[in-house]
Amino acid sequence: MRILMLGAGGTGGYFGAKIHAAGGDITFLVRTARAENLLTHGLRVASPLGDLHINPNILTSLTDTANANFDVIALSCKAYDLDTALDSIAPAVGPQTLILPLLNGIAHLARLDARYGQARVLGGIAHLAVTLAPTGEIRHLNNFHRLIIGARGNAVSPHLASLSELLVRSGIDFSLSADIESDMWDKFIFLCTLAAATCTMRSSVGDILETHAGEEFIVGLLDECQAVAGKCGHIPNSEQLALYRNHLTTRGSPLTASMLRDIERGGPTEAEHILGEMVSRATTHAVETPLLKLAYSHLQAYEMRRKHQQNMS
């Protein structure tokens, strides 16, 4: 099967390199600057689970319908780039193409469904801590590389089975979910809590837990997110929630959200897509979320200041 990976940054580059190394037919659609780096140096992954160095197939644009024969298009862009991403992949979308979003949160599903129909839009969850170094190398920060995908409708494309077989061969910790939207909600609860806590405090989980009210703050955020999910019809998986609670309350943990790394480099964040979405749903269902609102306002203030500084420069 033919796969198009939109982006070759941390997530897309890592999983795409693993697919390539497993013999998968994968092409990366990237910006010009990234293409130049990949042509010069190849796609490099430094990982505790084994380094990779591949020479990927790359494109910088899709200009005609000759490219509309990809079986799967995986989206590894940031949420704030989704509209641009959808325009860029349009020539590659054939009548049977599956769309696999690897974005954080759940807000993107409605937009993708409106454009392609729910039957063609898979659900996807990437549990991966990576960063893109200035040299272009992808650095895997731990030994965790889990990918979960699944169909969201009753009609299941035969491409899904082929994709699953390829992902199993790749060595990724892969699983095919029977209820991917519930799994996405579980991660949404965790990610929203993690981002709210570490971005507001500008520190790791371990450091926050050492402060006067750090554990109360983190657990309070988790409880608020869980309450919103319940009002939206999602009761979190108890085992998964216990695991997440453990991750968020482990003393000495270096865990941070990737959103904090975005802040530390002065870049845009997915605050609207993650915290904004959770706060919006809380408002719709009249759920009190004072801690989430505070964290969301903090990130909104950061974005406003960042844009102001850009306009002044």
C-alpha atoms as a PDB file:
ATOM      1  CA  MET A   1       0.000   0.000   0.000  1.00  0.00           C
ATOM      2  CA  ARG A   2       1.058   3.599  -0.586  1.00  0.00           C
ATOM      3  CA  ILE A   3       1.216   5.993   2.351  1.00  0.00           C
ATOM      4  CA  LEU A   4       1.638   9.764   2.322  1.00  0.00           C
ATOM      5  CA  MET A   5       2.918  11.304   5.548  1.00  0.00           C
ATOM      6  CA  LEU A   6       2.209  14.998   5.845  1.00  0.00           C
ATOM      7  CA  GLY A   7       5.213  16.314   7.737  1.00  0.00           C
ATOM      8  CA  ALA A   8       8.551  14.875   8.790  1.00  0.00           C
ATOM      9  CA  GLY A   9       8.884  16.555  12.154  1.00  0.00           C
ATOM     10  CA  GLY A  10       8.998  14.715  15.455  1.00  0.00           C
ATOM     11  CA  THR A  11       5.914  12.509  15.265  1.00  0.00           C
ATOM     12  CA  GLY A  12       5.583  12.110  11.503  1.00  0.00           C
ATOM     13  CA  GLY A  13       9.292  11.687  10.992  1.00  0.00           C
ATOM     14  CA  TYR A  14       9.668   9.080  13.723  1.00  0.00           C
ATOM     15  CA  PHE A  15       6.736   6.873  12.757  1.00  0.00           C
ATOM     16  CA  GLY A  16       7.397   7.417   9.064  1.00  0.00           C
ATOM     17  CA  ALA A  17      11.018   6.319   9.443  1.00  0.00           C
ATOM     18  CA  LYS A  18       9.906   3.155  11.244  1.00  0.00           C
ATOM     19  CA  ILE A  19       7.431   2.386   8.449  1.00  0.00           C
ATOM     20  CA  HIS A  20      10.111   2.996   5.799  1.00  0.00           C
ATOM     21  CA  ALA A  21      12.569   0.734   7.626  1.00  0.00           C
ATOM     22  CA  ALA A  22       9.909  -2.007   7.700  1.00  0.00           C
ATOM     23  CA  GLY A  23       9.662  -1.881   3.907  1.00  0.00           C
ATOM     24  CA  GLY A  24       6.617   0.347   3.676  1.00  0.00           C
ATOM     25  CA  ASP A  25       6.011   2.492   0.601  1.00  0.00           C
ATOM     26  CA  ILE A  26       5.882   5.896   2.280  1.00  0.00           C
ATOM     27  CA  THR A  27       6.344   9.402   0.893  1.00  0.00           C
ATOM     28  CA  PHE A  28       6.789  12.531   3.018  1.00  0.00           C
ATOM     29  CA  LEU A  29       5.115  15.800   2.022  1.00  0.00           C
ATOM     30  CA  VAL A  30       7.205  18.549   3.599  1.00  0.00           C
ATOM     31  CA  ARG A  31       8.049  22.233   3.385  1.00  0.00           C
ATOM     32  CA  THR A  32      10.957  23.346   1.203  1.00  0.00           C
ATOM     33  CA  ALA A  33      13.404  23.977   4.037  1.00  0.00           C
ATOM     34  CA  ARG A  34      12.753  20.548   5.546  1.00  0.00           C
ATOM     35  CA  ALA A  35      13.100  18.954   2.112  1.00  0.00           C
ATOM     36  CA  GLU A  36      16.524  20.531   1.657  1.00  0.00           C
ATOM     37  CA  ASN A  37      17.664  19.181   5.011  1.00  0.00           C
ATOM     38  CA  LEU A  38      16.351  15.695   4.226  1.00  0.00           C
ATOM     39  CA  LEU A  39      17.998  15.658   0.810  1.00  0.00           C
ATOM     40  CA  THR A  40      21.321  16.689   2.322  1.00  0.00           C
ATOM     41  CA  HIS A  41      21.371  14.656   5.517  1.00  0.00           C
ATOM     42  CA  GLY A  42      18.598  12.064   5.197  1.00  0.00           C
ATOM     43  CA  LEU A  43      15.964  11.448   7.860  1.00  0.00           C
ATOM     44  CA  ARG A  44      17.786  10.731  11.117  1.00  0.00           C
ATOM     45  CA  VAL A  45      16.291   9.382  14.323  1.00  0.00           C
ATOM     46  CA  ALA A  46      18.276   9.092  17.542  1.00  0.00           C
ATOM     47  CA  SER A  47      16.424   6.755  19.899  1.00  0.00           C
ATOM     48  CA  PRO A  48      17.123   4.587  22.949  1.00  0.00           C
ATOM     49  CA  LEU A  49      15.294   1.880  20.998  1.00  0.00           C
ATOM     50  CA  GLY A  50      17.703   2.087  18.079  1.00  0.00           C
ATOM     51  CA  ASP A  51      18.866   4.840  15.741  1.00  0.00           C
ATOM     52  CA  LEU A  52      17.608   5.123  12.179  1.00  0.00           C
ATOM     53  CA  HIS A  53      19.034   6.877   9.142  1.00  0.00           C
ATOM     54  CA  ILE A  54      16.987   6.631   5.949  1.00  0.00           C
ATOM     55  CA  ASN A  55      16.836   8.362   2.579  1.00  0.00           C
ATOM     56  CA  PRO A  56      13.115   9.125   2.349  1.00  0.00           C
ATOM     57  CA  ASN A  57      10.899   9.745  -0.650  1.00  0.00           C
ATOM     58  CA  ILE A  58       9.895  13.389  -0.394  1.00  0.00           C
ATOM     59  CA  LEU A  59       7.592  15.858  -2.100  1.00  0.00           C
ATOM     60  CA  THR A  60       7.152  19.564  -1.497  1.00  0.00           C
ATOM     61  CA  SER A  61       3.839  19.896  -3.322  1.00  0.00           C
ATOM     62  CA  LEU A  62       1.069  17.920  -4.974  1.00  0.00           C
ATOM     63  CA  THR A  63       0.092  19.766  -8.103  1.00  0.00           C
ATOM     64  CA  ASP A  64      -2.028  17.341 -10.064  1.00  0.00           C
ATOM     65  CA  THR A  65      -4.352  14.372  -9.723  1.00  0.00           C
ATOM     66  CA  ALA A  66      -1.585  11.983 -10.833  1.00  0.00           C
ATOM     67  CA  ASN A  67      -0.680  11.796  -7.154  1.00  0.00           C
ATOM     68  CA  ALA A  68      -4.217  10.777  -6.116  1.00  0.00           C
ATOM     69  CA  ASN A  69      -3.392   7.140  -5.610  1.00  0.00           C
ATOM     70  CA  PHE A  70      -2.364   7.016  -1.969  1.00  0.00           C
ATOM     71  CA  ASP A  71      -4.185   4.463   0.144  1.00  0.00           C
ATOM     72  CA  VAL A  72      -3.563   6.300   3.421  1.00  0.00           C
ATOM     73  CA  ILE A  73      -2.678   9.900   4.171  1.00  0.00           C
ATOM     74  CA  ALA A  74      -1.346  10.439   7.692  1.00  0.00           C
ATOM     75  CA  LEU A  75      -1.481  13.953   9.113  1.00  0.00           C
ATOM     76  CA  SER A  76       1.237  14.785  11.637  1.00  0.00           C
ATOM     77  CA  CYS A  77       0.888  18.564  11.550  1.00  0.00           C
ATOM     78  CA  LYS A  78       0.047  20.841  14.457  1.00  0.00           C
ATOM     79  CA  ALA A  79      -3.637  21.657  14.912  1.00  0.00           C
ATOM     80  CA  TYR A  80      -3.145  25.307  13.957  1.00  0.00           C
ATOM     81  CA  ASP A  81      -1.811  24.181  10.555  1.00  0.00           C
ATOM     82  CA  LEU A  82      -4.705  21.826   9.783  1.00  0.00           C
ATOM     83  CA  ASP A  83      -6.506  24.021   7.249  1.00  0.00           C
ATOM     84  CA  THR A  84      -3.308  24.583   5.258  1.00  0.00           C
ATOM     85  CA  ALA A  85      -2.541  20.868   5.499  1.00  0.00           C
ATOM     86  CA  LEU A  86      -5.920  19.868   4.089  1.00  0.00           C
ATOM     87  CA  ASP A  87      -5.432  22.149   1.110  1.00  0.00           C
ATOM     88  CA  SER A  88      -1.957  20.756   0.455  1.00  0.00           C
ATOM     89  CA  ILE A  89      -3.054  17.091   0.439  1.00  0.00           C
ATOM     90  CA  ALA A  90      -6.186  17.650  -1.658  1.00  0.00           C
ATOM     91  CA  PRO A  91      -4.661  16.408  -4.968  1.00  0.00           C
ATOM     92  CA  ALA A  92      -3.552  13.179  -3.274  1.00  0.00           C
ATOM     93  CA  VAL A  93      -6.966  12.195  -1.949  1.00  0.00           C
ATOM     94  CA  GLY A  94      -8.538   9.515  -4.096  1.00  0.00           C
ATOM     95  CA  PRO A  95     -12.057   8.039  -3.754  1.00  0.00           C
ATOM     96  CA  GLN A  96     -10.844   5.263  -1.412  1.00  0.00           C
ATOM     97  CA  THR A  97      -8.099   7.114   0.459  1.00  0.00           C
ATOM     98  CA  LEU A  98      -8.155   6.848   4.248  1.00  0.00           C
ATOM     99  CA  ILE A  99      -7.197   9.859   6.365  1.00  0.00           C
ATOM    100  CA  LEU A 100      -5.242   9.110   9.542  1.00  0.00           C
ATOM    101  CA  PRO A 101      -4.858  12.166  11.791  1.00  0.00           C
ATOM    102  CA  LEU A 102      -2.124  11.962  14.436  1.00  0.00           C
ATOM    103  CA  LEU A 103      -3.065  15.287  15.978  1.00  0.00           C
ATOM    104  CA  ASN A 104      -3.583  15.887  19.675  1.00  0.00           C
ATOM    105  CA  GLY A 105      -7.075  16.183  21.112  1.00  0.00           C
ATOM    106  CA  ILE A 106     -10.381  15.532  19.371  1.00  0.00           C
ATOM    107  CA  ALA A 107     -11.443  18.875  17.873  1.00  0.00           C
ATOM    108  CA  HIS A 108      -9.995  18.033  14.454  1.00  0.00           C
ATOM    109  CA  LEU A 109     -12.349  15.082  13.888  1.00  0.00           C
ATOM    110  CA  ALA A 110     -15.396  17.236  13.128  1.00  0.00           C
ATOM    111  CA  ARG A 111     -13.474  19.249  10.540  1.00  0.00           C
ATOM    112  CA  LEU A 112     -12.122  16.145   8.836  1.00  0.00           C
ATOM    113  CA  ASP A 113     -15.511  14.417   8.876  1.00  0.00           C
ATOM    114  CA  ALA A 114     -17.117  17.441   7.226  1.00  0.00           C
ATOM    115  CA  ARG A 115     -14.593  17.298   4.400  1.00  0.00           C
ATOM    116  CA  TYR A 116     -14.169  13.548   3.849  1.00  0.00           C
ATOM    117  CA  GLY A 117     -16.973  11.769   5.707  1.00  0.00           C
ATOM    118  CA  GLN A 118     -16.595   9.825   8.944  1.00  0.00           C
ATOM    119  CA  ALA A 119     -16.129   6.459   7.227  1.00  0.00           C
ATOM    120  CA  ARG A 120     -12.842   7.623   5.691  1.00  0.00           C
ATOM    121  CA  VAL A 121     -11.432   9.387   8.737  1.00  0.00           C
ATOM    122  CA  LEU A 122      -9.643   7.079  11.151  1.00  0.00           C
ATOM    123  CA  GLY A 123      -8.903   7.854  14.752  1.00  0.00           C
ATOM    124  CA  GLY A 124      -5.288   7.907  15.841  1.00  0.00           C
ATOM    125  CA  ILE A 125      -3.317   8.284  19.052  1.00  0.00           C
ATOM    126  CA  ALA A 126       0.431   8.761  19.232  1.00  0.00           C
ATOM    127  CA  HIS A 127       2.112   8.272  22.608  1.00  0.00           C
ATOM    128  CA  LEU A 128       5.582   9.560  21.810  1.00  0.00           C
ATOM    129  CA  ALA A 129       8.041  12.021  23.334  1.00  0.00           C
ATOM    130  CA  VAL A 130      10.241  13.432  20.597  1.00  0.00           C
ATOM    131  CA  THR A 131      11.816  16.720  19.653  1.00  0.00           C
ATOM    132  CA  LEU A 132      13.256  18.039  16.396  1.00  0.00           C
ATOM    133  CA  ALA A 133      16.827  19.232  16.909  1.00  0.00           C
ATOM    134  CA  PRO A 134      18.149  22.347  15.094  1.00  0.00           C
ATOM    135  CA  THR A 135      20.200  19.997  12.907  1.00  0.00           C
ATOM    136  CA  GLY A 136      17.021  18.301  11.686  1.00  0.00           C
ATOM    137  CA  GLU A 137      17.612  15.122  13.666  1.00  0.00           C
ATOM    138  CA  ILE A 138      14.609  13.648  15.489  1.00  0.00           C
ATOM    139  CA  ARG A 139      15.462  12.875  19.105  1.00  0.00           C
ATOM    140  CA  HIS A 140      13.381  10.254  20.894  1.00  0.00           C
ATOM    141  CA  LEU A 141      13.318  11.238  24.573  1.00  0.00           C
ATOM    142  CA  ASN A 142      12.394   7.902  26.185  1.00  0.00           C
ATOM    143  CA  ASN A 143      11.678   4.278  25.275  1.00  0.00           C
ATOM    144  CA  PHE A 144       7.942   4.707  24.659  1.00  0.00           C
ATOM    145  CA  HIS A 145       6.597   4.724  21.097  1.00  0.00           C
ATOM    146  CA  ARG A 146       2.978   3.646  21.072  1.00  0.00           C
ATOM    147  CA  LEU A 147       0.552   4.112  18.186  1.00  0.00           C
ATOM    148  CA  ILE A 148      -3.155   3.269  18.337  1.00  0.00           C
ATOM    149  CA  ILE A 149      -5.509   3.574  15.366  1.00  0.00           C
ATOM    150  CA  GLY A 150      -9.030   2.468  14.590  1.00  0.00           C
ATOM    151  CA  ALA A 151     -12.074   2.915  12.377  1.00  0.00           C
ATOM    152  CA  ARG A 152     -14.791   5.248  13.632  1.00  0.00           C
ATOM    153  CA  GLY A 153     -17.729   3.939  11.621  1.00  0.00           C
ATOM    154  CA  ASN A 154     -19.368   0.624  10.818  1.00  0.00           C
ATOM    155  CA  ALA A 155     -17.835   0.386   7.346  1.00  0.00           C
ATOM    156  CA  VAL A 156     -14.203  -0.727   7.650  1.00  0.00           C
ATOM    157  CA  SER A 157     -11.907  -0.181   4.669  1.00  0.00           C
ATOM    158  CA  PRO A 158      -9.708  -3.116   3.591  1.00  0.00           C
ATOM    159  CA  HIS A 159      -6.817  -0.622   3.680  1.00  0.00           C
ATOM    160  CA  LEU A 160      -7.039  -0.654   7.477  1.00  0.00           C
ATOM    161  CA  ALA A 161      -6.004  -4.307   7.705  1.00  0.00           C
ATOM    162  CA  SER A 162      -3.049  -3.736   5.363  1.00  0.00           C
ATOM    163  CA  LEU A 163      -1.961  -0.682   7.333  1.00  0.00           C
ATOM    164  CA  SER A 164      -2.207  -2.600  10.604  1.00  0.00           C
ATOM    165  CA  GLU A 165      -0.036  -5.427   9.264  1.00  0.00           C
ATOM    166  CA  LEU A 166       2.603  -2.918   8.189  1.00  0.00           C
ATOM    167  CA  LEU A 167       2.606  -1.156  11.560  1.00  0.00           C
ATOM    168  CA  VAL A 168       3.011  -4.474  13.382  1.00  0.00           C
ATOM    169  CA  ARG A 169       6.077  -5.220  11.219  1.00  0.00           C
ATOM    170  CA  SER A 170       7.562  -1.799  11.941  1.00  0.00           C
ATOM    171  CA  GLY A 171       8.363  -2.629  15.559  1.00  0.00           C
ATOM    172  CA  ILE A 172       6.207   0.202  16.897  1.00  0.00           C
ATOM    173  CA  ASP A 173       4.138  -0.622  19.984  1.00  0.00           C
ATOM    174  CA  PHE A 174       1.007  -0.748  17.839  1.00  0.00           C
ATOM    175  CA  SER A 175      -2.578  -1.726  18.558  1.00  0.00           C
ATOM    176  CA  LEU A 176      -5.819  -1.623  16.593  1.00  0.00           C
ATOM    177  CA  SER A 177      -8.619  -0.214  18.734  1.00  0.00           C
ATOM    178  CA  ALA A 178     -12.212  -1.386  18.697  1.00  0.00           C
ATOM    179  CA  ASP A 179     -13.321   1.935  20.221  1.00  0.00           C
ATOM    180  CA  ILE A 180     -10.817   4.525  19.089  1.00  0.00           C
ATOM    181  CA  GLU A 181     -12.894   7.572  20.020  1.00  0.00           C
ATOM    182  CA  SER A 182     -13.058   6.450  23.652  1.00  0.00           C
ATOM    183  CA  ASP A 183      -9.307   5.917  23.599  1.00  0.00           C
ATOM    184  CA  MET A 184      -8.852   9.403  22.136  1.00  0.00           C
ATOM    185  CA  TRP A 185     -10.998  10.884  24.900  1.00  0.00           C
ATOM    186  CA  ASP A 186      -8.890   9.132  27.528  1.00  0.00           C
ATOM    187  CA  LYS A 187      -5.732  10.657  26.101  1.00  0.00           C
ATOM    188  CA  PHE A 188      -7.455  14.033  25.708  1.00  0.00           C
ATOM    189  CA  ILE A 189      -8.150  14.075  29.455  1.00  0.00           C
ATOM    190  CA  PHE A 190      -4.532  13.239  30.242  1.00  0.00           C
ATOM    191  CA  LEU A 191      -2.987  15.613  27.708  1.00  0.00           C
ATOM    192  CA  CYS A 192      -5.195  18.528  28.715  1.00  0.00           C
ATOM    193  CA  THR A 193      -4.247  18.008  32.362  1.00  0.00           C
ATOM    194  CA  LEU A 194      -0.552  17.674  31.571  1.00  0.00           C
ATOM    195  CA  ALA A 195      -0.469  20.716  29.287  1.00  0.00           C
ATOM    196  CA  ALA A 196      -2.472  22.862  31.697  1.00  0.00           C
ATOM    197  CA  ALA A 197      -0.232  21.970  34.632  1.00  0.00           C
ATOM    198  CA  THR A 198       3.226  22.080  33.062  1.00  0.00           C
ATOM    199  CA  CYS A 199       2.573  25.136  30.876  1.00  0.00           C
ATOM    200  CA  THR A 200       1.017  27.169  33.690  1.00  0.00           C
ATOM    201  CA  MET A 201       3.813  26.286  36.097  1.00  0.00           C
ATOM    202  CA  ARG A 202       6.496  26.235  33.349  1.00  0.00           C
ATOM    203  CA  SER A 203       7.977  23.147  34.910  1.00  0.00           C
ATOM    204  CA  SER A 204       7.940  19.347  34.978  1.00  0.00           C
ATOM    205  CA  VAL A 205       5.458  17.203  36.854  1.00  0.00           C
ATOM    206  CA  GLY A 206       8.140  16.302  39.392  1.00  0.00           C
ATOM    207  CA  ASP A 207       8.982  19.929  40.142  1.00  0.00           C
ATOM    208  CA  ILE A 208       5.316  20.914  40.394  1.00  0.00           C
ATOM    209  CA  LEU A 209       4.692  18.142  42.918  1.00  0.00           C
ATOM    210  CA  GLU A 210       7.395  19.614  45.149  1.00  0.00           C
ATOM    211  CA  THR A 211       5.551  22.940  45.470  1.00  0.00           C
ATOM    212  CA  HIS A 212       3.094  23.904  48.202  1.00  0.00           C
ATOM    213  CA  ALA A 213      -0.087  23.042  46.279  1.00  0.00           C
ATOM    214  CA  GLY A 214       1.293  21.360  43.174  1.00  0.00           C
ATOM    215  CA  GLU A 215      -0.333  17.967  43.619  1.00  0.00           C
ATOM    216  CA  GLU A 216      -3.648  19.595  44.476  1.00  0.00           C
ATOM    217  CA  PHE A 217      -3.405  21.649  41.285  1.00  0.00           C
ATOM    218  CA  ILE A 218      -2.620  18.662  39.045  1.00  0.00           C
ATOM    219  CA  VAL A 219      -5.244  16.371  40.572  1.00  0.00           C
ATOM    220  CA  GLY A 220      -7.787  19.183  40.466  1.00  0.00           C
ATOM    221  CA  LEU A 221      -7.173  19.670  36.742  1.00  0.00           C
ATOM    222  CA  LEU A 222      -7.531  15.934  36.145  1.00  0.00           C
ATOM    223  CA  ASP A 223     -10.820  15.841  38.048  1.00  0.00           C
ATOM    224  CA  GLU A 224     -12.172  18.794  36.062  1.00  0.00           C
ATOM    225  CA  CYS A 225     -11.260  17.177  32.731  1.00  0.00           C
ATOM    226  CA  GLN A 226     -12.825  13.908  33.830  1.00  0.00           C
ATOM    227  CA  ALA A 227     -16.033  15.718  34.809  1.00  0.00           C
ATOM    228  CA  VAL A 228     -16.242  17.409  31.392  1.00  0.00           C
ATOM    229  CA  ALA A 229     -15.723  14.076  29.645  1.00  0.00           C
ATOM    230  CA  GLY A 230     -18.525  12.507  31.664  1.00  0.00           C
ATOM    231  CA  LYS A 231     -20.945  15.268  30.691  1.00  0.00           C
ATOM    232  CA  CYS A 232     -19.946  14.741  27.048  1.00  0.00           C
ATOM    233  CA  GLY A 233     -20.927  11.074  27.307  1.00  0.00           C
ATOM    234  CA  HIS A 234     -17.477   9.615  27.835  1.00  0.00           C
ATOM    235  CA  ILE A 235     -16.750   7.660  31.000  1.00  0.00           C
ATOM    236  CA  PRO A 236     -12.975   7.188  31.123  1.00  0.00           C
ATOM    237  CA  ASN A 237     -11.503   3.715  31.239  1.00  0.00           C
ATOM    238  CA  SER A 238     -10.751   3.172  34.930  1.00  0.00           C
ATOM    239  CA  GLU A 239      -7.474   1.334  34.358  1.00  0.00           C
ATOM    240  CA  GLN A 240      -6.244   3.923  31.873  1.00  0.00           C
ATOM    241  CA  LEU A 241      -7.277   6.767  34.160  1.00  0.00           C
ATOM    242  CA  ALA A 242      -5.407   5.169  37.076  1.00  0.00           C
ATOM    243  CA  LEU A 243      -2.310   4.867  34.879  1.00  0.00           C
ATOM    244  CA  TYR A 244      -2.556   8.503  33.843  1.00  0.00           C
ATOM    245  CA  ARG A 245      -3.087   9.600  37.457  1.00  0.00           C
ATOM    246  CA  ASN A 246       0.070   7.710  38.392  1.00  0.00           C
ATOM    247  CA  HIS A 247       2.052   9.443  35.609  1.00  0.00           C
ATOM    248  CA  LEU A 248       0.803  12.815  36.827  1.00  0.00           C
ATOM    249  CA  THR A 249       1.624  12.255  40.493  1.00  0.00           C
ATOM    250  CA  THR A 250       5.001  10.490  40.307  1.00  0.00           C
ATOM    251  CA  ARG A 251       7.583  12.288  42.433  1.00  0.00           C
ATOM    252  CA  GLY A 252      10.690  13.302  40.542  1.00  0.00           C
ATOM    253  CA  SER A 253       9.046  12.795  37.150  1.00  0.00           C
ATOM    254  CA  PRO A 254      10.641  14.812  34.299  1.00  0.00           C
ATOM    255  CA  LEU A 255       7.366  14.635  32.359  1.00  0.00           C
ATOM    256  CA  THR A 256       6.266  17.783  30.507  1.00  0.00           C
ATOM    257  CA  ALA A 257       3.836  18.482  27.708  1.00  0.00           C
ATOM    258  CA  SER A 258       5.220  19.155  24.242  1.00  0.00           C
ATOM    259  CA  MET A 259       3.269  22.404  24.476  1.00  0.00           C
ATOM    260  CA  LEU A 260       5.719  23.577  27.127  1.00  0.00           C
ATOM    261  CA  ARG A 261       8.598  22.947  24.734  1.00  0.00           C
ATOM    262  CA  ASP A 262       6.713  25.085  22.179  1.00  0.00           C
ATOM    263  CA  ILE A 263       6.518  27.896  24.745  1.00  0.00           C
ATOM    264  CA  GLU A 264      10.181  27.597  25.666  1.00  0.00           C
ATOM    265  CA  ARG A 265      11.212  28.119  22.055  1.00  0.00           C
ATOM    266  CA  GLY A 266       8.789  31.031  21.680  1.00  0.00           C
ATOM    267  CA  GLY A 267       6.550  29.257  19.182  1.00  0.00           C
ATOM    268  CA  PRO A 268       2.774  28.962  18.728  1.00  0.00           C
ATOM    269  CA  THR A 269       0.878  26.396  20.785  1.00  0.00           C
ATOM    270  CA  GLU A 270      -2.162  24.153  20.432  1.00  0.00           C
ATOM    271  CA  ALA A 271      -3.821  25.810  23.423  1.00  0.00           C
ATOM    272  CA  GLU A 272      -7.045  26.542  21.526  1.00  0.00           C
ATOM    273  CA  HIS A 273      -7.237  22.991  20.198  1.00  0.00           C
ATOM    274  CA  ILE A 274      -6.615  21.347  23.594  1.00  0.00           C
ATOM    275  CA  LEU A 275      -7.491  23.567  26.557  1.00  0.00           C
ATOM    276  CA  GLY A 276      -9.833  25.782  24.563  1.00  0.00           C
ATOM    277  CA  GLU A 277     -11.803  22.764  23.384  1.00  0.00           C
ATOM    278  CA  MET A 278     -12.117  21.352  26.903  1.00  0.00           C
ATOM    279  CA  VAL A 279     -13.193  24.709  28.359  1.00  0.00           C
ATOM    280  CA  SER A 280     -15.716  25.195  25.542  1.00  0.00           C
ATOM    281  CA  ARG A 281     -17.274  21.806  26.231  1.00  0.00           C
ATOM    282  CA  ALA A 282     -17.340  22.584  29.948  1.00  0.00           C
ATOM    283  CA  THR A 283     -19.225  25.812  29.242  1.00  0.00           C
ATOM    284  CA  THR A 284     -21.705  24.014  26.981  1.00  0.00           C
ATOM    285  CA  HIS A 285     -22.476  21.456  29.700  1.00  0.00           C
ATOM    286  CA  ALA A 286     -22.312  23.901  32.646  1.00  0.00           C
ATOM    287  CA  VAL A 287     -19.330  22.189  34.294  1.00  0.00           C
ATOM    288  CA  GLU A 288     -17.338  24.359  36.692  1.00  0.00           C
ATOM    289  CA  THR A 289     -13.655  24.316  35.697  1.00  0.00           C
ATOM    290  CA  PRO A 290     -11.848  27.161  37.500  1.00  0.00           C
ATOM    291  CA  LEU A 291      -8.402  25.580  37.238  1.00  0.00           C
ATOM    292  CA  LEU A 292      -8.764  24.848  33.523  1.00  0.00           C
ATOM    293  CA  LYS A 293      -9.983  28.379  32.885  1.00  0.00           C
ATOM    294  CA  LEU A 294      -6.963  29.789  34.688  1.00  0.00           C
ATOM    295  CA  ALA A 295      -4.556  27.617  32.686  1.00  0.00           C
ATOM    296  CA  TYR A 296      -6.337  28.458  29.427  1.00  0.00           C
ATOM    297  CA  SER A 297      -6.212  32.191  30.176  1.00  0.00           C
ATOM    298  CA  HIS A 298      -2.502  31.874  30.945  1.00  0.00           C
ATOM    299  CA  LEU A 299      -1.857  30.342  27.518  1.00  0.00           C
ATOM    300  CA  GLN A 300      -4.068  32.893  25.782  1.00  0.00           C
ATOM    301  CA  ALA A 301      -2.003  35.655  27.407  1.00  0.00           C
ATOM    302  CA  TYR A 302       1.188  33.982  26.198  1.00  0.00           C
ATOM    303  CA  GLU A 303      -0.146  33.823  22.618  1.00  0.00           C
ATOM    304  CA  MET A 304      -1.219  37.472  22.670  1.00  0.00           C
ATOM    305  CA  ARG A 305       2.174  38.596  23.961  1.00  0.00           C
ATOM    306  CA  ARG A 306       3.997  36.414  21.422  1.00  0.00           C
ATOM    307  CA  LYS A 307       2.010  37.892  18.529  1.00  0.00           C
ATOM    308  CA  HIS A 308       2.519  41.408  19.853  1.00  0.00           C
ATOM    309  CA  GLN A 309       6.288  40.867  20.008  1.00  0.00           C
ATOM    310  CA  GLN A 310       6.236  39.503  16.455  1.00  0.00           C
ATOM    311  CA  ASN A 311       4.385  42.582  15.218  1.00  0.00           C
ATOM    312  CA  MET A 312       6.890  44.858  16.958  1.00  0.00           C
ATOM    313  CA  SER A 313       9.931  43.122  15.446  1.00  0.00           C
END
